[in-house]
Structures are given as C-alpha cells and as structure tokens.
Amino acid sequence: MSKKRISATVSEDFDTKLNERAQKLGVSKSALVSFALGVYMSQLDLLEKNGTSEKDIYDMIRYNFEELSR
C-alpha cells in the first residue's frame, strides 16, 4: 500500500497534547495521528453500515471535537 502525505493545521494546545501523548507512547506524531484517524474512520464506516444518518455522524464528530477542545 502506497502512503500519501497530508498536512493539517492545529492549535498550539492540541499540538502540545499530541507531542506529549506521542512521547508517552514512544511513537512519532505522524504514526499517532495516522493510527487515531484510521480508528476514527473505521468507527464512522461502522456507524454508516448500521444505518446512522450523516447528521448523527456529524453531530458525534462535533461533540467529540468540542469535548477535546476543552
């Protein structure tokens, strides 16, 4: 499987949290983001397969983001 590079802009606070978590786990930030996004996308796919509406999925993403931004 070929890999593609992406770029993301995040807040300074989020970057700090990401750095701390990656160091704690002993992985790179890139590996942590890739793994976390893969898990999250799998959850979204499962929700869609179970008939969850796109609005419900959007609401879940928004709620999770708001909780993480506290």
Protein backbone atom coordinates (compact mmCIF):
# COMPACT_ATOMS: atom_id res chain seq x y z
CA MET A 1 0.00 0.00 0.00
CA SER A 2 1.45 3.35 -1.00
CA LYS A 3 1.40 6.17 1.50
CA LYS A 4 0.42 9.76 0.87
CA ARG A 5 1.43 12.79 2.88
CA ILE A 6 -1.18 15.19 4.26
CA SER A 7 -0.87 18.48 6.07
CA ALA A 8 -3.03 19.71 8.93
CA THR A 9 -3.12 22.92 10.92
CA VAL A 10 -3.92 22.50 14.60
CA SER A 11 -3.97 24.78 17.62
CA GLU A 12 -0.84 25.15 19.69
CA ASP A 13 -2.57 23.46 22.64
CA PHE A 14 -3.55 20.47 20.52
CA ASP A 15 -0.03 20.19 19.13
CA THR A 16 1.35 20.19 22.67
CA LYS A 17 -1.07 17.45 23.72
CA LEU A 18 -0.20 15.47 20.61
CA ASN A 19 3.54 15.77 21.28
CA GLU A 20 3.10 14.70 24.90
CA ARG A 21 0.96 11.69 24.01
CA ALA A 22 3.28 10.58 21.19
CA GLN A 23 6.30 10.79 23.50
CA LYS A 24 4.46 8.90 26.24
CA LEU A 25 3.59 6.12 23.77
CA GLY A 26 7.04 6.14 22.18
CA VAL A 27 5.78 6.79 18.65
CA SER A 28 6.04 9.66 16.21
CA LYS A 29 3.30 12.27 15.94
CA SER A 30 2.69 11.10 12.39
CA ALA A 31 2.21 7.49 13.49
CA LEU A 32 -0.14 8.53 16.30
CA VAL A 33 -2.26 10.72 14.03
CA SER A 34 -2.37 8.06 11.33
CA PHE A 35 -3.46 5.36 13.80
CA ALA A 36 -6.03 7.58 15.53
CA LEU A 37 -7.53 8.74 12.26
CA GLY A 38 -7.69 5.18 10.97
CA VAL A 39 -9.57 4.05 14.09
CA TYR A 40 -11.92 7.02 13.87
CA MET A 41 -12.65 6.45 10.19
CA SER A 42 -13.39 2.78 10.92
CA GLN A 43 -15.88 3.86 13.56
CA LEU A 44 -17.57 6.18 11.07
CA ASP A 45 -17.76 3.39 8.50
CA LEU A 46 -19.37 1.09 11.07
CA LEU A 47 -21.91 3.76 12.01
CA GLU A 48 -22.82 4.24 8.34
CA LYS A 49 -23.20 0.48 7.83
CA ASN A 50 -25.53 0.35 10.84
CA GLY A 51 -27.78 2.99 9.29
CA THR A 52 -26.70 6.01 11.30
CA SER A 53 -27.62 9.18 9.43
CA GLU A 54 -24.97 11.59 8.18
CA LYS A 55 -26.38 14.26 10.50
CA ASP A 56 -25.96 11.97 13.51
CA ILE A 57 -22.38 11.26 12.45
CA TYR A 58 -21.70 14.98 12.05
CA ASP A 59 -23.19 15.65 15.49
CA MET A 60 -20.95 12.96 17.00
CA ILE A 61 -17.85 14.45 15.37
CA ARG A 62 -18.80 17.94 16.53
CA TYR A 63 -19.48 16.75 20.09
CA ASN A 64 -16.18 14.84 20.26
CA PHE A 65 -14.29 17.86 18.93
CA GLU A 66 -15.91 20.18 21.45
CA GLU A 67 -15.08 17.78 24.29
CA LEU A 68 -11.47 17.51 23.16
CA SER A 69 -11.17 21.29 22.80
CA ARG A 70 -11.97 21.94 26.45
